[in-house]
Protein backbone atom coordinates (compact mmCIF):
# COMPACT_ATOMS: atom_id res chain seq x y z
CA UNK A 1 256.72 200.07 118.40
CA UNK A 2 255.26 201.15 115.11
CA UNK A 3 256.94 204.00 113.61
CA UNK A 4 254.17 206.62 112.18
CA UNK A 5 254.44 209.97 110.68
CA UNK A 6 251.54 212.78 110.94
CA UNK A 7 252.13 215.91 109.09
CA UNK A 8 249.87 218.34 107.04
CA UNK A 9 248.87 221.65 105.72
CA UNK A 10 246.01 224.11 106.09
CA UNK A 11 244.13 224.56 102.80
CA UNK A 12 244.11 228.48 103.04
CA UNK A 13 245.38 228.40 99.31
CA UNK A 14 248.07 226.92 96.92
CA UNK A 15 251.05 225.56 98.30
CA UNK A 16 254.29 227.30 97.67
CA UNK A 17 258.22 226.75 97.47
CA UNK A 18 258.47 227.63 101.03
CA UNK A 19 256.20 224.36 101.88
CA UNK A 20 258.40 222.64 99.44
CA UNK A 21 261.61 222.99 100.71
CA UNK A 22 260.45 223.39 104.53
CA UNK A 23 258.54 220.04 104.74
CA UNK A 24 257.07 218.78 101.74
CA UNK A 25 260.35 217.28 100.00
CA UNK A 26 261.10 215.88 103.36
CA UNK A 27 257.75 214.11 103.34
CA UNK A 28 258.52 212.24 100.07
CA UNK A 29 261.90 211.33 101.31
CA UNK A 30 260.65 209.95 104.47
CA UNK A 31 257.63 208.13 102.84
CA UNK A 32 259.95 206.32 100.30
CA UNK A 33 262.70 205.68 102.85
CA UNK A 34 260.88 202.36 104.09
CA UNK A 35 261.41 203.14 107.53
CA UNK A 36 257.94 204.13 108.61
CA UNK A 37 255.12 201.65 109.26
CA UNK A 38 252.35 204.25 108.38
CA UNK A 39 252.18 207.71 107.07
CA UNK A 40 249.25 210.17 107.37
CA UNK A 41 249.29 213.42 105.66
CA UNK A 42 246.31 215.70 106.74
CA UNK A 43 244.52 218.52 105.03
CA UNK A 44 243.64 220.49 107.97
CA UNK A 45 240.51 222.21 106.73
CA UNK A 46 238.86 222.56 110.16
CA UNK A 47 241.90 224.42 111.49
CA UNK A 48 241.72 226.81 108.20
CA UNK A 49 238.21 227.68 109.25
CA UNK A 50 239.54 229.26 112.40
CA UNK A 51 240.61 232.46 110.45
CA UNK A 52 238.34 231.71 107.42
CA UNK A 53 234.94 231.22 109.05
CA UNK A 54 233.00 233.54 106.99
CA UNK A 55 234.56 231.89 103.75
CA UNK A 56 233.95 228.29 103.97
CA UNK A 57 233.87 227.78 100.17
CA UNK A 58 237.28 229.19 100.03
CA UNK A 59 238.48 226.34 102.11
CA UNK A 60 236.56 223.81 100.65
CA UNK A 61 237.84 224.83 97.13
CA UNK A 62 241.63 224.80 98.33
CA UNK A 63 241.10 221.36 99.74
CA UNK A 64 241.51 219.94 95.98
CA UNK A 65 244.39 222.61 95.15
CA UNK A 66 246.35 221.10 98.24
CA UNK A 67 245.88 217.67 97.18
CA UNK A 68 246.91 218.12 93.76
CA UNK A 69 250.08 220.05 94.93
CA UNK A 70 250.81 216.72 97.20
CA UNK A 71 250.29 214.56 94.18
CA UNK A 72 252.76 216.52 92.05
CA UNK A 73 255.58 216.62 94.77
CA UNK A 74 255.53 212.94 94.64
CA UNK A 75 253.22 211.87 97.71
CA UNK A 76 251.87 208.69 96.87
CA UNK A 77 248.44 207.36 98.06
CA UNK A 78 249.83 203.82 97.96
CA UNK A 79 252.39 204.64 100.44
CA UNK A 80 250.84 207.51 102.62
CA UNK A 81 247.17 208.11 103.76
CA UNK A 82 245.89 211.65 102.77
CA UNK A 83 242.86 212.61 104.51
CA UNK A 84 240.61 215.43 105.32
CA UNK A 85 240.72 216.92 108.94
CA UNK A 86 237.01 217.37 109.18
CA UNK A 87 236.11 213.75 108.45
CA UNK A 88 237.58 212.49 111.62
CA UNK A 89 235.28 214.22 114.34
CA UNK A 90 237.13 212.68 117.04
CA UNK A 91 240.13 214.88 116.53
CA UNK A 92 237.63 217.69 117.56
CA UNK A 93 236.45 215.84 120.69
CA UNK A 94 240.17 215.25 121.58
CA UNK A 95 240.74 218.84 121.15
CA UNK A 96 237.83 219.82 123.66
CA UNK A 97 239.48 217.27 126.42
CA UNK A 98 243.06 218.81 125.90
CA UNK A 99 241.74 222.27 126.39
CA UNK A 100 241.51 221.42 130.14
CA UNK A 101 245.34 220.80 130.41
CA UNK A 102 246.49 224.23 129.01
CA UNK A 103 246.46 227.59 130.43
CA UNK A 104 245.57 230.69 128.66
CA UNK A 105 248.93 232.20 129.30
CA UNK A 106 250.65 229.31 128.10
CA UNK A 107 248.93 229.84 124.78
CA UNK A 108 249.81 233.31 124.86
CA UNK A 109 253.53 232.56 125.04
CA UNK A 110 253.61 230.56 122.10
CA UNK A 111 255.75 232.46 119.73
CA UNK A 112 254.31 230.94 116.61
CA UNK A 113 250.75 232.06 117.53
CA UNK A 114 251.76 235.44 118.60
CA UNK A 115 253.36 235.95 115.31
CA UNK A 116 250.49 234.44 113.55
CA UNK A 117 248.10 236.81 115.53
CA UNK A 118 249.97 239.95 114.47
CA UNK A 119 250.52 238.95 111.20
CA UNK A 120 246.77 238.49 110.47
CA UNK A 121 245.79 241.75 112.77
CA UNK A 122 243.97 239.75 115.28
CA UNK A 123 245.32 241.50 118.25
CA UNK A 124 241.92 243.09 119.19
CA UNK A 125 239.82 240.30 118.53
CA UNK A 126 241.54 236.65 118.56
CA UNK A 127 239.02 233.86 117.25
CA UNK A 128 239.15 231.31 120.24
CA UNK A 129 239.61 228.53 117.43
CA UNK A 130 242.34 230.16 116.17
CA UNK A 131 244.14 230.86 119.63
CA UNK A 132 243.82 227.20 120.26
CA UNK A 133 245.71 226.17 117.30
CA UNK A 134 248.23 224.40 119.18
CA UNK A 135 246.11 222.17 120.93
CA UNK A 136 244.13 221.23 118.00
CA UNK A 137 247.55 220.22 116.39
CA UNK A 138 248.31 218.21 119.51
CA UNK A 139 245.09 216.24 119.01
CA UNK A 140 245.93 215.65 115.32
CA UNK A 141 249.27 214.14 116.30
CA UNK A 142 248.39 212.27 119.28
CA UNK A 143 245.15 210.56 117.64
CA UNK A 144 247.62 208.64 115.39
CA UNK A 145 250.05 208.02 117.74
CA UNK A 146 252.37 209.68 115.50
CA UNK A 147 256.43 209.04 116.45
CA UNK A 148 257.58 211.61 114.22
CA UNK A 149 256.32 214.66 112.54
CA UNK A 150 258.23 216.63 109.81
CA UNK A 151 257.80 220.34 110.15
CA UNK A 152 259.50 223.72 109.20
CA UNK A 153 261.23 225.87 111.67
CA UNK A 154 258.53 227.97 112.31
CA UNK A 155 256.47 225.06 113.81
CA UNK A 156 258.80 224.07 116.28
CA UNK A 157 256.99 225.93 119.16
CA UNK A 158 253.80 224.17 118.25
CA UNK A 159 255.54 220.78 118.78
CA UNK A 160 257.08 221.81 121.79
CA UNK A 161 253.64 222.84 123.35
CA UNK A 162 252.60 219.32 121.92
CA UNK A 163 255.25 217.68 123.99
CA UNK A 164 254.22 219.58 127.09
CA UNK A 165 250.24 218.49 126.60
CA UNK A 166 251.58 214.92 126.16
CA UNK A 167 253.90 214.94 129.52
CA UNK A 168 250.64 216.41 131.17
CA UNK A 169 248.36 214.18 129.98
CA UNK A 170 250.60 211.17 130.74
CA UNK A 171 251.16 212.36 134.43
CA UNK A 172 247.55 212.70 135.11
CA UNK A 173 245.90 209.66 133.24
CA UNK A 174 248.92 207.17 132.94
CA UNK A 175 251.43 206.55 129.93
CA UNK A 176 248.79 206.90 127.41
CA UNK A 177 250.31 209.17 124.62
CA UNK A 178 253.48 208.76 122.41
CA UNK A 179 255.71 211.83 122.37
CA UNK A 180 256.70 212.80 118.63
CA UNK A 181 259.99 213.42 117.42
CA UNK A 182 260.44 216.77 115.33
CA UNK A 183 262.02 216.26 111.97
CA UNK A 184 263.57 219.33 110.50
CA UNK A 185 264.83 220.03 107.07
CA UNK A 186 268.40 218.79 106.80
CA UNK A 187 269.21 221.72 104.65
CA UNK A 188 269.85 225.09 106.97
CA UNK A 189 268.82 227.27 104.10
CA UNK A 190 265.39 225.22 103.75
CA UNK A 191 264.28 225.86 107.67
CA UNK A 192 262.42 229.05 106.64
CA UNK A 193 262.72 230.50 103.10
CA UNK A 194 262.03 234.02 102.81
CA UNK A 195 259.41 235.72 100.74
CA UNK A 196 260.28 237.28 97.12
CA UNK A 197 260.01 240.75 99.17
CA UNK A 198 262.66 239.75 101.41
CA UNK A 199 260.43 239.51 104.46
CA UNK A 200 261.40 236.60 106.76
CA UNK A 201 258.68 234.25 105.61
CA UNK A 202 257.20 232.94 102.47
CA UNK A 203 253.28 233.47 103.22
CA UNK A 204 250.13 233.33 101.44
CA UNK A 205 248.73 236.33 103.14
CA UNK A 206 251.39 238.50 102.44
CA UNK A 207 251.65 237.88 99.00
CA UNK A 208 255.21 237.02 98.40
CA UNK A 209 255.03 233.49 97.27
CA UNK A 210 256.20 231.49 94.37
CA UNK A 211 253.71 228.82 93.97
CA UNK A 212 254.15 225.34 92.98
CA UNK A 213 251.42 225.56 90.47
CA UNK A 214 252.90 228.64 88.88
CA UNK A 215 253.65 228.82 85.26
CA UNK A 216 257.30 229.19 84.29
CA UNK A 217 256.68 232.49 82.68
CA UNK A 218 255.10 233.68 86.14
CA UNK A 219 258.08 232.09 88.27
CA UNK A 220 260.38 234.19 85.97
CA UNK A 221 258.78 237.38 86.45
CA UNK A 222 258.67 236.90 89.99
CA UNK A 223 262.21 235.77 90.09
CA UNK A 224 263.28 238.79 88.13
CA UNK A 225 261.36 241.29 90.85
CA UNK A 226 262.79 239.58 93.78
CA UNK A 227 264.25 241.92 96.81
CA UNK A 228 268.13 241.54 96.65
CA UNK A 229 270.37 243.99 97.98
CA UNK A 230 268.95 247.46 98.60
CA UNK A 231 272.74 248.75 98.58
CA UNK A 232 273.70 247.09 95.39
CA UNK A 233 272.93 250.01 92.77
CA UNK A 234 275.14 249.18 89.90
CA UNK A 235 275.94 245.71 88.44
CA UNK A 236 279.62 246.27 88.68
CA UNK A 237 279.27 246.97 92.34
CA UNK A 238 279.82 244.24 94.97
CA UNK A 239 276.98 242.68 96.44
CA UNK A 240 275.95 241.53 99.70
CA UNK A 241 275.45 237.53 99.79
CA UNK A 242 274.36 237.20 103.48
CA UNK A 243 270.53 237.73 104.04
CA UNK A 244 269.98 238.17 100.22
CA UNK A 245 267.03 236.02 99.25
CA UNK A 246 268.40 234.89 95.86
CA UNK A 247 271.26 233.39 97.49
CA UNK A 248 269.18 231.84 100.01
CA UNK A 249 267.03 230.24 97.36
CA UNK A 250 270.46 229.34 95.68
CA UNK A 251 271.43 227.27 98.74
CA UNK A 252 267.92 226.11 98.93
CA UNK A 253 267.51 224.69 95.42
CA UNK A 254 270.79 224.15 93.79
CA UNK A 255 272.40 220.91 93.18
CA UNK A 256 276.18 220.39 92.39
CA UNK A 257 275.61 219.60 88.82
CA UNK A 258 273.92 223.12 88.17
CA UNK A 259 277.13 224.73 89.18
CA UNK A 260 278.78 223.01 86.34
CA UNK A 261 275.96 224.04 83.97
CA UNK A 262 275.26 227.58 84.60
CA UNK A 263 278.90 228.82 86.21
CA UNK A 264 280.35 229.87 82.64
CA UNK A 265 277.47 232.45 82.00
CA UNK A 266 277.50 233.98 85.78
CA UNK A 267 281.05 233.99 86.51
CA UNK A 268 280.95 237.23 88.14
CA UNK A 269 279.41 235.10 91.14
CA UNK A 270 282.90 234.69 92.24
């Protein structure tokens, strides 16, 4: 059986370091592992329209930005197929058929969907396309017979719902669809990188991101303004490490050689 990866991002803006540690870094590692026969990286422009229908030009422009971020991170078109979702119309067709296998109440229980609806203030008027996001994602994964999907922790409920649809479809129509394996980042600190404001998730819509394309001086300014420990009022006071975004970033990005290099200047880290 062929080993196939399908993964991707919505082009709603430039990609940030949360994307990098949560999935991009892992994608490059898997791409170069030699374990997979086919790797598909999707720029999900159709899904991006579900909450940007009034600004299609924004989505169109961001397709190029996301592609550039992919290449900068090390995704290689010689090894991975990078494609645009809307250019494969069969994915929309497959989504329509899967809609008949999922109840409204099941989608409403999806924690990721609930969180995204609340974050976008959609409680009163949820676009149907956005509501059906997990079903669309299942179509993307199963259309390519993906055996593995590298994702961040926040996407786990989406993948669990994908597996449910696969089981339902196969039970009704026979063994047709492939159930994907979920691949999470190996580093626990990378499962969900908090925003620079200390909120649980780094998100473009929350304005708390460090973008991969940010200039060094912009990155430094953002780091220096990060939320740390509200009870740490003076430099000489002991601070709280647990739950402190700066230390979570340290766990996510630091390598052993960094300690040798920087420890003499930051002895108070003890």
